[in-house]
PDB file of all heavy atoms in Angstrom:
ATOM      1  N   ALA A   1       0.841  -1.190   0.000  1.00  0.00           N
ATOM      2  CA  ALA A   1       0.000   0.000   0.000  1.00  0.00           C
ATOM      3  C   ALA A   1       0.871   1.233   0.000  1.00  0.00           C
ATOM      4  O   ALA A   1       2.055   1.187   0.294  1.00  0.00           O
ATOM      5  CB  ALA A   1      -0.920   0.005   1.219  1.00  0.00           C
ATOM      6  N   SER A   2       0.254   2.354  -0.315  1.00  0.00           N
ATOM      7  CA  SER A   2       0.998   3.609  -0.392  1.00  0.00           C
ATOM      8  C   SER A   2       1.824   3.846   0.861  1.00  0.00           C
ATOM      9  O   SER A   2       1.334   3.742   1.962  1.00  0.00           O
ATOM     10  CB  SER A   2       0.020   4.772  -0.582  1.00  0.00           C
ATOM     11  OG  SER A   2       0.683   5.999  -0.398  1.00  0.00           O
ATOM     12  N   ASP A   3       3.118   4.155   0.705  1.00  0.00           N
ATOM     13  CA  ASP A   3       3.961   4.455   1.868  1.00  0.00           C
ATOM     14  C   ASP A   3       4.167   5.950   2.014  1.00  0.00           C
ATOM     15  O   ASP A   3       5.082   6.406   2.653  1.00  0.00           O
ATOM     16  CB  ASP A   3       5.313   3.729   1.781  1.00  0.00           C
ATOM     17  CG  ASP A   3       6.117   4.109   0.555  1.00  0.00           C
ATOM     18  OD1 ASP A   3       5.662   5.013  -0.184  1.00  0.00           O
ATOM     19  OD2 ASP A   3       7.186   3.510   0.335  1.00  0.00           O
ATOM     20  N   THR A   4       3.277   6.724   1.416  1.00  0.00           N
ATOM     21  CA  THR A   4       3.373   8.177   1.526  1.00  0.00           C
ATOM     22  C   THR A   4       2.385   8.732   2.528  1.00  0.00           C
ATOM     23  O   THR A   4       2.385   9.924   2.806  1.00  0.00           O
ATOM     24  CB  THR A   4       3.098   8.841   0.156  1.00  0.00           C
ATOM     25  OG1 THR A   4       1.753   8.553  -0.220  1.00  0.00           O
ATOM     26  CG2 THR A   4       4.053   8.321  -0.909  1.00  0.00           C
ATOM     27  N   GLY A   5       1.532   7.864   3.075  1.00  0.00           N
ATOM     28  CA  GLY A   5       0.531   8.336   4.027  1.00  0.00           C
ATOM     29  C   GLY A   5      -0.705   8.891   3.349  1.00  0.00           C
ATOM     30  O   GLY A   5      -1.569   9.447   3.988  1.00  0.00           O
ATOM     31  N   LYS A   6      -0.825   8.716   2.022  1.00  0.00           N
ATOM     32  CA  LYS A   6      -1.968   9.237   1.290  1.00  0.00           C
ATOM     33  C   LYS A   6      -2.718   8.076   0.665  1.00  0.00           C
ATOM     34  O   LYS A   6      -2.221   6.966   0.526  1.00  0.00           O
ATOM     35  CB  LYS A   6      -1.508  10.213   0.213  1.00  0.00           C
ATOM     36  CG  LYS A   6      -0.750  11.426   0.767  1.00  0.00           C
ATOM     37  CD  LYS A   6      -0.266  12.317  -0.344  1.00  0.00           C
ATOM     38  CE  LYS A   6       0.528  13.508   0.194  1.00  0.00           C
ATOM     39  NZ  LYS A   6       1.023  14.373  -0.867  1.00  0.00           N
ATOM     40  N   GLY A   7      -3.935   8.351   0.242  1.00  0.00           N
ATOM     41  CA  GLY A   7      -4.694   7.342  -0.460  1.00  0.00           C
ATOM     42  C   GLY A   7      -5.440   6.424   0.483  1.00  0.00           C
ATOM     43  O   GLY A   7      -5.594   6.668   1.666  1.00  0.00           O
ATOM     44  N   ASP A   8      -5.948   5.311  -0.068  1.00  0.00           N
ATOM     45  CA  ASP A   8      -6.750   4.356   0.683  1.00  0.00           C
ATOM     46  C   ASP A   8      -5.841   3.434   1.472  1.00  0.00           C
ATOM     47  O   ASP A   8      -5.371   2.419   0.966  1.00  0.00           O
ATOM     48  CB  ASP A   8      -7.624   3.576  -0.302  1.00  0.00           C
ATOM     49  CG  ASP A   8      -8.588   2.648   0.411  1.00  0.00           C
ATOM     50  OD1 ASP A   8      -8.742   2.809   1.626  1.00  0.00           O
ATOM     51  OD2 ASP A   8      -9.154   1.772  -0.264  1.00  0.00           O
ATOM     52  N   ASP A   9      -5.596   3.773   2.718  1.00  0.00           N
ATOM     53  CA  ASP A   9      -4.655   3.030   3.550  1.00  0.00           C
ATOM     54  C   ASP A   9      -5.299   2.816   4.914  1.00  0.00           C
ATOM     55  O   ASP A   9      -5.397   3.739   5.719  1.00  0.00           O
ATOM     56  CB  ASP A   9      -3.347   3.817   3.679  1.00  0.00           C
ATOM     57  CG  ASP A   9      -2.283   3.056   4.461  1.00  0.00           C
ATOM     58  OD1 ASP A   9      -2.625   2.004   5.050  1.00  0.00           O
ATOM     59  OD2 ASP A   9      -1.138   3.514   4.494  1.00  0.00           O
ATOM     60  N   ALA A  10      -5.753   1.581   5.182  1.00  0.00           N
ATOM     61  CA  ALA A  10      -6.484   1.303   6.420  1.00  0.00           C
ATOM     62  C   ALA A  10      -5.616   1.418   7.658  1.00  0.00           C
ATOM     63  O   ALA A  10      -6.130   1.516   8.767  1.00  0.00           O
ATOM     64  CB  ALA A  10      -7.105  -0.090   6.347  1.00  0.00           C
ATOM     65  N   LEU A  11      -4.292   1.396   7.514  1.00  0.00           N
ATOM     66  CA  LEU A  11      -3.405   1.519   8.667  1.00  0.00           C
ATOM     67  C   LEU A  11      -3.074   2.966   8.993  1.00  0.00           C
ATOM     68  O   LEU A  11      -2.517   3.251  10.047  1.00  0.00           O
ATOM     69  CB  LEU A  11      -2.098   0.744   8.433  1.00  0.00           C
ATOM     70  CG  LEU A  11      -2.200  -0.771   8.365  1.00  0.00           C
ATOM     71  CD1 LEU A  11      -0.828  -1.394   8.304  1.00  0.00           C
ATOM     72  CD2 LEU A  11      -2.975  -1.320   9.543  1.00  0.00           C
ATOM     73  N   GLN A  12      -3.383   3.885   8.073  1.00  0.00           N
ATOM     74  CA  GLN A  12      -3.044   5.283   8.289  1.00  0.00           C
ATOM     75  C   GLN A  12      -4.063   5.924   9.233  1.00  0.00           C
ATOM     76  O   GLN A  12      -5.271   5.839   9.019  1.00  0.00           O
ATOM     77  CB  GLN A  12      -3.031   6.036   6.965  1.00  0.00           C
ATOM     78  CG  GLN A  12      -2.689   7.499   7.088  1.00  0.00           C
ATOM     79  CD  GLN A  12      -1.291   7.719   7.634  1.00  0.00           C
ATOM     80  OE1 GLN A  12      -0.387   6.959   7.329  1.00  0.00           O
ATOM     81  NE2 GLN A  12      -1.124   8.729   8.434  1.00  0.00           N
ATOM     82  N   ILE A  13      -3.559   6.554  10.318  1.00  0.00           N
ATOM     83  CA  ILE A  13      -4.455   7.156  11.304  1.00  0.00           C
ATOM     84  C   ILE A  13      -4.660   8.644  11.031  1.00  0.00           C
ATOM     85  O   ILE A  13      -5.775   9.146  11.020  1.00  0.00           O
ATOM     86  CB  ILE A  13      -3.891   6.957  12.726  1.00  0.00           C
ATOM     87  CG1 ILE A  13      -3.788   5.462  13.041  1.00  0.00           C
ATOM     88  CG2 ILE A  13      -4.765   7.639  13.760  1.00  0.00           C
ATOM     89  CD1 ILE A  13      -3.164   5.163  14.374  1.00  0.00           C
ATOM     90  N   VAL A  14      -3.562   9.368  10.827  1.00  0.00           N
ATOM     91  CA  VAL A  14      -3.622  10.805  10.569  1.00  0.00           C
ATOM     92  C   VAL A  14      -2.752  11.110   9.360  1.00  0.00           C
ATOM     93  O   VAL A  14      -1.918  10.308   8.945  1.00  0.00           O
ATOM     94  CB  VAL A  14      -3.137  11.628  11.791  1.00  0.00           C
ATOM     95  CG1 VAL A  14      -4.063  11.413  12.973  1.00  0.00           C
ATOM     96  CG2 VAL A  14      -1.714  11.264  12.156  1.00  0.00           C
ATOM     97  N   ALA A  15      -2.949  12.309   8.813  1.00  0.00           N
ATOM     98  CA  ALA A  15      -2.211  12.669   7.603  1.00  0.00           C
ATOM     99  C   ALA A  15      -0.717  12.795   7.847  1.00  0.00           C
ATOM    100  O   ALA A  15       0.096  12.425   7.016  1.00  0.00           O
ATOM    101  CB  ALA A  15      -2.770  13.978   7.039  1.00  0.00           C
ATOM    102  N   ASN A  16      -0.350  13.317   9.018  1.00  0.00           N
ATOM    103  CA  ASN A  16       1.063  13.516   9.331  1.00  0.00           C
ATOM    104  C   ASN A  16       1.377  12.832  10.659  1.00  0.00           C
ATOM    105  O   ASN A  16       1.380  13.468  11.716  1.00  0.00           O
ATOM    106  CB  ASN A  16       1.380  15.011   9.407  1.00  0.00           C
ATOM    107  CG  ASN A  16       1.144  15.714   8.083  1.00  0.00           C
ATOM    108  OD1 ASN A  16       1.808  15.430   7.100  1.00  0.00           O
ATOM    109  ND2 ASN A  16       0.173  16.622   8.065  1.00  0.00           N
ATOM    110  N   PRO A  17       1.644  11.541  10.631  1.00  0.00           N
ATOM    111  CA  PRO A  17       1.822  10.792  11.875  1.00  0.00           C
ATOM    112  C   PRO A  17       3.068  11.205  12.643  1.00  0.00           C
ATOM    113  O   PRO A  17       4.087  11.577  12.062  1.00  0.00           O
ATOM    114  CB  PRO A  17       1.932   9.340  11.398  1.00  0.00           C
ATOM    115  CG  PRO A  17       2.418   9.433   9.992  1.00  0.00           C
ATOM    116  CD  PRO A  17       1.800  10.687   9.441  1.00  0.00           C
ATOM    117  N   VAL A  18       2.962  11.138  13.960  1.00  0.00           N
ATOM    118  CA  VAL A  18       4.076  11.400  14.874  1.00  0.00           C
ATOM    119  C   VAL A  18       4.187  10.209  15.812  1.00  0.00           C
ATOM    120  O   VAL A  18       3.185   9.755  16.366  1.00  0.00           O
ATOM    121  CB  VAL A  18       3.843  12.701  15.682  1.00  0.00           C
ATOM    122  CG1 VAL A  18       4.959  12.910  16.692  1.00  0.00           C
ATOM    123  CG2 VAL A  18       3.728  13.897  14.748  1.00  0.00           C
ATOM    124  N   ALA A  19       5.388   9.687  15.990  1.00  0.00           N
ATOM    125  CA  ALA A  19       5.578   8.522  16.830  1.00  0.00           C
ATOM    126  C   ALA A  19       5.235   8.849  18.282  1.00  0.00           C
ATOM    127  O   ALA A  19       5.569   9.917  18.799  1.00  0.00           O
ATOM    128  CB  ALA A  19       7.015   8.030  16.732  1.00  0.00           C
ATOM    129  N   ALA A  20       4.562   7.925  18.935  1.00  0.00           N
ATOM    130  CA  ALA A  20       4.244   8.086  20.350  1.00  0.00           C
ATOM    131  C   ALA A  20       5.509   7.963  21.195  1.00  0.00           C
ATOM    132  O   ALA A  20       6.460   7.270  20.809  1.00  0.00           O
ATOM    133  CB  ALA A  20       3.226   7.036  20.785  1.00  0.00           C
ATOM    134  N   THR A  21       5.520   8.633  22.324  1.00  0.00           N
ATOM    135  CA  THR A  21       6.643   8.579  23.260  1.00  0.00           C
ATOM    136  C   THR A  21       6.107   8.315  24.661  1.00  0.00           C
ATOM    137  O   THR A  21       4.893   8.282  24.881  1.00  0.00           O
ATOM    138  CB  THR A  21       7.447   9.888  23.246  1.00  0.00           C
ATOM    139  OG1 THR A  21       6.560  10.984  23.551  1.00  0.00           O
ATOM    140  CG2 THR A  21       8.080  10.138  21.884  1.00  0.00           C
ATOM    141  N   ALA A  22       7.017   8.156  25.608  1.00  0.00           N
ATOM    142  CA  ALA A  22       6.601   7.909  26.990  1.00  0.00           C
ATOM    143  C   ALA A  22       5.939   9.142  27.580  1.00  0.00           C
ATOM    144  O   ALA A  22       6.402  10.276  27.385  1.00  0.00           O
ATOM    145  CB  ALA A  22       7.813   7.514  27.829  1.00  0.00           C
ATOM    146  N   ALA A  23       4.866   8.932  28.323  1.00  0.00           N
ATOM    147  CA  ALA A  23       4.239  10.031  29.057  1.00  0.00           C
ATOM    148  C   ALA A  23       5.203  10.556  30.111  1.00  0.00           C
ATOM    149  O   ALA A  23       5.948   9.795  30.729  1.00  0.00           O
ATOM    150  CB  ALA A  23       2.953   9.544  29.723  1.00  0.00           C
ATOM    151  N   LEU A  24       5.218  11.863  30.301  1.00  0.00           N
ATOM    152  CA  LEU A  24       6.086  12.457  31.306  1.00  0.00           C
ATOM    153  C   LEU A  24       5.609  12.080  32.705  1.00  0.00           C
ATOM    154  O   LEU A  24       4.412  12.073  32.991  1.00  0.00           O
ATOM    155  CB  LEU A  24       6.119  13.976  31.159  1.00  0.00           C
ATOM    156  CG  LEU A  24       6.780  14.517  29.883  1.00  0.00           C
ATOM    157  CD1 LEU A  24       6.705  16.036  29.852  1.00  0.00           C
ATOM    158  CD2 LEU A  24       8.218  14.046  29.771  1.00  0.00           C
ATOM    159  N   SER A  25       6.560  11.762  33.558  1.00  0.00           N
ATOM    160  CA  SER A  25       6.224  11.324  34.911  1.00  0.00           C
ATOM    161  C   SER A  25       6.077  12.502  35.857  1.00  0.00           C
ATOM    162  O   SER A  25       6.863  13.456  35.805  1.00  0.00           O
ATOM    163  CB  SER A  25       7.311  10.392  35.453  1.00  0.00           C
ATOM    164  OG  SER A  25       7.366   9.198  34.721  1.00  0.00           O
ATOM    165  N   PRO A  26       5.119  12.427  36.756  1.00  0.00           N
ATOM    166  CA  PRO A  26       5.010  13.432  37.809  1.00  0.00           C
ATOM    167  C   PRO A  26       6.028  13.131  38.912  1.00  0.00           C
ATOM    168  O   PRO A  26       6.727  12.118  38.882  1.00  0.00           O
ATOM    169  CB  PRO A  26       3.584  13.244  38.320  1.00  0.00           C
ATOM    170  CG  PRO A  26       3.332  11.775  38.124  1.00  0.00           C
ATOM    171  CD  PRO A  26       4.054  11.415  36.847  1.00  0.00           C
ATOM    172  N   THR A  27       6.100  14.003  39.899  1.00  0.00           N
ATOM    173  CA  THR A  27       6.906  13.706  41.081  1.00  0.00           C
ATOM    174  C   THR A  27       6.334  12.457  41.744  1.00  0.00           C
ATOM    175  O   THR A  27       5.126  12.356  41.932  1.00  0.00           O
ATOM    176  CB  THR A  27       6.859  14.887  42.071  1.00  0.00           C
ATOM    177  OG1 THR A  27       7.375  16.047  41.428  1.00  0.00           O
ATOM    178  CG2 THR A  27       7.676  14.581  43.314  1.00  0.00           C
ATOM    179  N   PRO A  28       7.181  11.471  42.069  1.00  0.00           N
ATOM    180  CA  PRO A  28       6.662  10.228  42.653  1.00  0.00           C
ATOM    181  C   PRO A  28       5.828  10.470  43.908  1.00  0.00           C
ATOM    182  O   PRO A  28       6.201  11.260  44.784  1.00  0.00           O
ATOM    183  CB  PRO A  28       7.934   9.438  42.972  1.00  0.00           C
ATOM    184  CG  PRO A  28       8.950   9.947  42.000  1.00  0.00           C
ATOM    185  CD  PRO A  28       8.642  11.406  41.847  1.00  0.00           C
ATOM    186  N   ALA A  29       4.705   9.780  43.991  1.00  0.00           N
ATOM    187  CA  ALA A  29       3.821   9.915  45.147  1.00  0.00           C
ATOM    188  C   ALA A  29       4.197   8.952  46.259  1.00  0.00           C
ATOM    189  O   ALA A  29       3.732   9.096  47.389  1.00  0.00           O
ATOM    190  CB  ALA A  29       2.378   9.663  44.711  1.00  0.00           C
ATOM    191  N   ALA A  30       5.034   7.956  45.943  1.00  0.00           N
ATOM    192  CA  ALA A  30       5.436   6.959  46.938  1.00  0.00           C
ATOM    193  C   ALA A  30       6.898   6.606  46.692  1.00  0.00           C
ATOM    194  O   ALA A  30       7.386   6.698  45.562  1.00  0.00           O
ATOM    195  CB  ALA A  30       4.560   5.721  46.827  1.00  0.00           C
ATOM    196  N   PRO A  31       7.621   6.204  47.732  1.00  0.00           N
ATOM    197  CA  PRO A  31       9.009   5.796  47.531  1.00  0.00           C
ATOM    198  C   PRO A  31       9.067   4.532  46.682  1.00  0.00           C
ATOM    199  O   PRO A  31       8.166   3.688  46.755  1.00  0.00           O
ATOM    200  CB  PRO A  31       9.517   5.535  48.947  1.00  0.00           C
ATOM    201  CG  PRO A  31       8.290   5.283  49.762  1.00  0.00           C
ATOM    202  CD  PRO A  31       7.211   6.113  49.141  1.00  0.00           C
ATOM    203  N   PRO A  32      10.100   4.379  45.853  1.00  0.00           N
ATOM    204  CA  PRO A  32      10.182   3.193  45.003  1.00  0.00           C
ATOM    205  C   PRO A  32      10.346   1.914  45.815  1.00  0.00           C
ATOM    206  O   PRO A  32      11.000   1.903  46.861  1.00  0.00           O
ATOM    207  CB  PRO A  32      11.419   3.460  44.134  1.00  0.00           C
ATOM    208  CG  PRO A  32      12.217   4.472  44.898  1.00  0.00           C
ATOM    209  CD  PRO A  32      11.230   5.303  45.646  1.00  0.00           C
TER     210      PRO A  32
END
């Protein structure tokens, strides 16, 4: 299928995909 992110592509979610990353952690609420 198209590897440009255009056209009929059932795996394409958005027009300009951005890779997911880890959510930023808050200050720990409990000691490790």
